[in-house]
Amino acid sequence: MQLILENAAQKAMKKDARRKVQALHAQKRTTPMKDWHLLNDQIDETIVEWNRVHPKGANYLDLHWMTLHGAIRFVETEIRQRSSGVIKLETGFILML
């Protein structure tokens, strides 16, 4: 387990990012499904940018709030950019097999 410390400013920025993403997800209720890809792209871009500006650690990707396809694309891109090593993923999901 890795302990991540955040200061008050980081917490506030994270809260703002979460609100933005939640608002985009909420827009899906009134947006035709055929146009959801536009909202999904904005959601995923917000989280990718968050990871670049506020990394939790080296080789650590926080995928919270991303769409499934956005998370897959993000991880694939990060894997391609690295020659080797381990990437830690925080998904927010518990998978039971």
N, C-alpha and C. Protein backbone atom coordinates (compact mmCIF):
# COMPACT_ATOMS: atom_id res chain seq x y z
N MET A 1 0.84 -1.17 0.00
CA MET A 1 0.00 0.00 0.00
C MET A 1 0.89 1.24 0.00
N GLN A 2 0.45 2.25 -0.72
CA GLN A 2 1.20 3.49 -0.83
C GLN A 2 0.40 4.61 -0.17
N LEU A 3 1.03 5.40 0.67
CA LEU A 3 0.38 6.51 1.34
C LEU A 3 0.61 7.77 0.51
N ILE A 4 -0.48 8.46 0.15
CA ILE A 4 -0.40 9.69 -0.64
C ILE A 4 -0.91 10.83 0.23
N LEU A 5 -0.11 11.85 0.40
CA LEU A 5 -0.52 13.02 1.18
C LEU A 5 -0.90 14.15 0.24
N GLU A 6 -1.98 14.85 0.58
CA GLU A 6 -2.43 16.00 -0.20
C GLU A 6 -2.57 17.19 0.73
N ASN A 7 -2.18 18.36 0.23
CA ASN A 7 -2.39 19.56 1.03
C ASN A 7 -3.78 20.13 0.71
N ALA A 8 -4.17 21.17 1.42
CA ALA A 8 -5.51 21.74 1.27
C ALA A 8 -5.75 22.24 -0.16
N ALA A 9 -4.74 22.85 -0.76
CA ALA A 9 -4.89 23.36 -2.13
C ALA A 9 -5.13 22.22 -3.12
N GLN A 10 -4.39 21.13 -2.96
CA GLN A 10 -4.58 19.97 -3.85
C GLN A 10 -5.96 19.37 -3.67
N LYS A 11 -6.41 19.29 -2.42
CA LYS A 11 -7.75 18.75 -2.15
C LYS A 11 -8.82 19.61 -2.82
N ALA A 12 -8.65 20.93 -2.75
CA ALA A 12 -9.62 21.83 -3.37
C ALA A 12 -9.62 21.67 -4.88
N MET A 13 -8.43 21.56 -5.48
CA MET A 13 -8.35 21.37 -6.94
C MET A 13 -8.97 20.03 -7.34
N LYS A 14 -8.73 19.01 -6.54
CA LYS A 14 -9.30 17.69 -6.83
C LYS A 14 -10.82 17.74 -6.74
N LYS A 15 -11.32 18.47 -5.75
CA LYS A 15 -12.77 18.62 -5.59
C LYS A 15 -13.37 19.32 -6.81
N ASP A 16 -12.69 20.36 -7.30
CA ASP A 16 -13.16 21.08 -8.49
C ASP A 16 -13.16 20.17 -9.72
N ALA A 17 -12.11 19.38 -9.87
CA ALA A 17 -12.04 18.46 -11.01
C ALA A 17 -13.15 17.42 -10.92
N ARG A 18 -13.40 16.92 -9.71
CA ARG A 18 -14.46 15.93 -9.52
C ARG A 18 -15.82 16.53 -9.86
N ARG A 19 -16.06 17.78 -9.43
CA ARG A 19 -17.33 18.45 -9.75
C ARG A 19 -17.50 18.60 -11.27
N LYS A 20 -16.42 18.98 -11.94
CA LYS A 20 -16.48 19.14 -13.40
C LYS A 20 -16.85 17.81 -14.06
N VAL A 21 -16.19 16.74 -13.63
CA VAL A 21 -16.46 15.43 -14.22
C VAL A 21 -17.87 14.96 -13.89
N GLN A 22 -18.31 15.18 -12.66
CA GLN A 22 -19.67 14.80 -12.28
C GLN A 22 -20.70 15.57 -13.10
N ALA A 23 -20.43 16.84 -13.35
CA ALA A 23 -21.35 17.65 -14.17
C ALA A 23 -21.41 17.12 -15.60
N LEU A 24 -20.26 16.71 -16.13
CA LEU A 24 -20.24 16.15 -17.48
C LEU A 24 -21.01 14.84 -17.53
N HIS A 25 -20.82 13.99 -16.52
CA HIS A 25 -21.58 12.74 -16.46
C HIS A 25 -23.08 13.04 -16.36
N ALA A 26 -23.45 14.05 -15.56
CA ALA A 26 -24.86 14.41 -15.39
C ALA A 26 -25.47 14.92 -16.70
N GLN A 27 -24.67 15.56 -17.54
CA GLN A 27 -25.18 16.06 -18.82
C GLN A 27 -25.67 14.94 -19.72
N LYS A 28 -25.21 13.73 -19.46
CA LYS A 28 -25.64 12.60 -20.28
C LYS A 28 -27.15 12.37 -20.16
N ARG A 29 -27.73 12.78 -19.03
CA ARG A 29 -29.17 12.60 -18.83
C ARG A 29 -29.98 13.38 -19.85
N THR A 30 -29.44 14.50 -20.33
CA THR A 30 -30.17 15.35 -21.27
C THR A 30 -29.52 15.40 -22.65
N THR A 31 -28.49 14.61 -22.85
CA THR A 31 -27.78 14.59 -24.13
C THR A 31 -28.12 13.30 -24.86
N PRO A 32 -28.44 13.40 -26.16
CA PRO A 32 -28.70 12.17 -26.91
C PRO A 32 -27.50 11.22 -26.84
N MET A 33 -27.77 9.93 -26.72
CA MET A 33 -26.70 8.95 -26.56
C MET A 33 -25.68 9.02 -27.68
N LYS A 34 -26.13 9.38 -28.88
CA LYS A 34 -25.21 9.46 -30.02
C LYS A 34 -24.14 10.54 -29.82
N ASP A 35 -24.38 11.46 -28.90
CA ASP A 35 -23.43 12.54 -28.64
C ASP A 35 -22.63 12.36 -27.35
N TRP A 36 -22.84 11.24 -26.67
CA TRP A 36 -22.13 11.01 -25.41
C TRP A 36 -20.62 10.98 -25.60
N HIS A 37 -20.17 10.57 -26.78
CA HIS A 37 -18.72 10.49 -27.00
C HIS A 37 -18.05 11.84 -26.78
N LEU A 38 -18.75 12.92 -27.07
CA LEU A 38 -18.19 14.26 -26.84
C LEU A 38 -17.99 14.52 -25.35
N LEU A 39 -18.97 14.14 -24.55
CA LEU A 39 -18.86 14.29 -23.10
C LEU A 39 -17.79 13.35 -22.55
N ASN A 40 -17.78 12.11 -23.04
CA ASN A 40 -16.79 11.14 -22.58
C ASN A 40 -15.37 11.63 -22.85
N ASP A 41 -15.16 12.22 -24.02
CA ASP A 41 -13.83 12.74 -24.35
C ASP A 41 -13.41 13.84 -23.37
N GLN A 42 -14.35 14.72 -23.03
CA GLN A 42 -14.04 15.79 -22.06
C GLN A 42 -13.74 15.22 -20.68
N ILE A 43 -14.51 14.21 -20.28
CA ILE A 43 -14.28 13.56 -18.99
C ILE A 43 -12.88 12.97 -18.95
N ASP A 44 -12.56 12.18 -19.96
CA ASP A 44 -11.27 11.49 -19.99
C ASP A 44 -10.11 12.46 -20.09
N GLU A 45 -10.26 13.51 -20.89
CA GLU A 45 -9.19 14.52 -21.01
C GLU A 45 -8.95 15.22 -19.68
N THR A 46 -10.01 15.47 -18.94
CA THR A 46 -9.88 16.11 -17.62
C THR A 46 -9.04 15.24 -16.69
N ILE A 47 -9.29 13.94 -16.69
CA ILE A 47 -8.57 13.03 -15.79
C ILE A 47 -7.13 12.82 -16.25
N VAL A 48 -6.92 12.71 -17.55
CA VAL A 48 -5.55 12.58 -18.06
C VAL A 48 -4.73 13.81 -17.67
N GLU A 49 -5.31 14.97 -17.84
CA GLU A 49 -4.62 16.21 -17.47
C GLU A 49 -4.35 16.24 -15.96
N TRP A 50 -5.32 15.80 -15.17
CA TRP A 50 -5.12 15.75 -13.71
C TRP A 50 -3.90 14.90 -13.37
N ASN A 51 -3.79 13.74 -14.01
CA ASN A 51 -2.66 12.85 -13.76
C ASN A 51 -1.34 13.48 -14.15
N ARG A 52 -1.34 14.27 -15.21
CA ARG A 52 -0.09 14.90 -15.66
C ARG A 52 0.33 16.03 -14.72
N VAL A 53 -0.63 16.80 -14.26
CA VAL A 53 -0.34 17.96 -13.42
C VAL A 53 -0.16 17.57 -11.95
N HIS A 54 -0.90 16.56 -11.51
CA HIS A 54 -0.90 16.17 -10.09
C HIS A 54 -0.61 14.67 -9.95
N PRO A 55 0.55 14.21 -10.37
CA PRO A 55 0.82 12.77 -10.25
C PRO A 55 0.91 12.34 -8.79
N LYS A 56 0.37 11.17 -8.50
CA LYS A 56 0.45 10.63 -7.14
C LYS A 56 1.80 9.97 -6.89
N GLY A 57 2.53 9.71 -7.94
CA GLY A 57 3.83 9.09 -7.81
C GLY A 57 4.35 8.69 -9.17
N ALA A 58 5.59 8.25 -9.20
CA ALA A 58 6.18 7.79 -10.45
C ALA A 58 5.43 6.55 -10.92
N ASN A 59 5.11 6.51 -12.19
CA ASN A 59 4.45 5.35 -12.79
C ASN A 59 3.13 5.00 -12.10
N TYR A 60 2.38 6.01 -11.70
CA TYR A 60 1.13 5.81 -10.98
C TYR A 60 0.03 6.54 -11.75
N LEU A 61 -1.01 5.82 -12.14
CA LEU A 61 -2.12 6.41 -12.88
C LEU A 61 -3.40 6.26 -12.08
N ASP A 62 -4.06 7.38 -11.83
CA ASP A 62 -5.33 7.38 -11.12
C ASP A 62 -6.44 7.46 -12.17
N LEU A 63 -7.20 6.39 -12.30
CA LEU A 63 -8.22 6.29 -13.34
C LEU A 63 -9.62 6.61 -12.82
N HIS A 64 -9.73 7.06 -11.58
CA HIS A 64 -11.04 7.40 -11.02
C HIS A 64 -11.79 8.34 -11.96
N TRP A 65 -13.07 8.07 -12.12
CA TRP A 65 -14.03 8.90 -12.86
C TRP A 65 -13.89 8.79 -14.37
N MET A 66 -12.89 8.07 -14.88
CA MET A 66 -12.74 7.93 -16.33
C MET A 66 -13.78 6.96 -16.87
N THR A 67 -14.05 7.08 -18.16
CA THR A 67 -14.87 6.07 -18.82
C THR A 67 -13.99 4.84 -19.04
N LEU A 68 -14.62 3.71 -19.25
CA LEU A 68 -13.87 2.47 -19.46
C LEU A 68 -12.94 2.60 -20.66
N HIS A 69 -13.48 3.06 -21.78
CA HIS A 69 -12.66 3.16 -22.99
C HIS A 69 -11.57 4.22 -22.84
N GLY A 70 -11.87 5.31 -22.15
CA GLY A 70 -10.86 6.33 -21.91
C GLY A 70 -9.72 5.81 -21.04
N ALA A 71 -10.07 5.03 -20.02
CA ALA A 71 -9.04 4.46 -19.15
C ALA A 71 -8.15 3.49 -19.92
N ILE A 72 -8.76 2.67 -20.75
CA ILE A 72 -7.99 1.71 -21.55
C ILE A 72 -7.04 2.46 -22.49
N ARG A 73 -7.54 3.48 -23.18
CA ARG A 73 -6.69 4.27 -24.09
C ARG A 73 -5.54 4.93 -23.33
N PHE A 74 -5.84 5.50 -22.17
CA PHE A 74 -4.83 6.18 -21.37
C PHE A 74 -3.73 5.21 -20.95
N VAL A 75 -4.11 4.05 -20.45
CA VAL A 75 -3.13 3.06 -20.02
C VAL A 75 -2.31 2.56 -21.21
N GLU A 76 -2.97 2.29 -22.34
CA GLU A 76 -2.24 1.85 -23.53
C GLU A 76 -1.21 2.88 -23.96
N THR A 77 -1.60 4.14 -23.96
CA THR A 77 -0.68 5.22 -24.33
C THR A 77 0.52 5.27 -23.39
N GLU A 78 0.25 5.17 -22.10
CA GLU A 78 1.34 5.22 -21.12
C GLU A 78 2.27 4.02 -21.26
N ILE A 79 1.73 2.84 -21.54
CA ILE A 79 2.56 1.65 -21.73
C ILE A 79 3.46 1.82 -22.95
N ARG A 80 2.91 2.34 -24.03
CA ARG A 80 3.70 2.54 -25.27
C ARG A 80 4.83 3.54 -25.07
N GLN A 81 4.63 4.50 -24.19
CA GLN A 81 5.64 5.54 -23.97
C GLN A 81 6.78 5.08 -23.07
N ARG A 82 6.65 3.92 -22.48
CA ARG A 82 7.67 3.41 -21.56
C ARG A 82 8.32 2.18 -22.17
N SER A 83 9.60 2.04 -21.93
CA SER A 83 10.30 0.87 -22.47
C SER A 83 10.11 -0.35 -21.58
N SER A 84 9.97 -0.13 -20.30
CA SER A 84 9.75 -1.24 -19.37
C SER A 84 9.33 -0.68 -18.03
N GLY A 85 9.10 -1.57 -17.09
CA GLY A 85 8.77 -1.14 -15.74
C GLY A 85 7.34 -1.47 -15.37
N VAL A 86 6.99 -1.08 -14.18
CA VAL A 86 5.67 -1.35 -13.62
C VAL A 86 4.88 -0.05 -13.58
N ILE A 87 3.62 -0.12 -13.94
CA ILE A 87 2.72 1.01 -13.82
C ILE A 87 1.66 0.63 -12.79
N LYS A 88 1.50 1.47 -11.79
CA LYS A 88 0.47 1.24 -10.78
C LYS A 88 -0.81 1.93 -11.22
N LEU A 89 -1.92 1.19 -11.16
CA LEU A 89 -3.21 1.72 -11.58
C LEU A 89 -4.15 1.80 -10.39
N GLU A 90 -4.77 2.94 -10.23
CA GLU A 90 -5.82 3.09 -9.22
C GLU A 90 -7.13 3.22 -9.99
N THR A 91 -7.98 2.22 -9.84
CA THR A 91 -9.19 2.18 -10.65
C THR A 91 -10.44 2.64 -9.92
N GLY A 92 -10.46 2.46 -8.62
CA GLY A 92 -11.68 2.78 -7.89
C GLY A 92 -12.67 1.63 -7.90
N PHE A 93 -12.33 0.53 -8.55
CA PHE A 93 -13.18 -0.65 -8.62
C PHE A 93 -12.53 -1.79 -7.87
N ILE A 94 -13.35 -2.62 -7.29
CA ILE A 94 -12.86 -3.86 -6.70
C ILE A 94 -13.36 -4.98 -7.59
N LEU A 95 -12.44 -5.70 -8.18
CA LEU A 95 -12.80 -6.81 -9.06
C LEU A 95 -12.68 -8.10 -8.29
N MET A 96 -13.73 -8.87 -8.29
CA MET A 96 -13.70 -10.16 -7.61
C MET A 96 -13.83 -11.23 -8.68
N LEU A 97 -12.86 -12.12 -8.72
CA LEU A 97 -12.86 -13.19 -9.72
C LEU A 97 -13.19 -14.50 -9.07
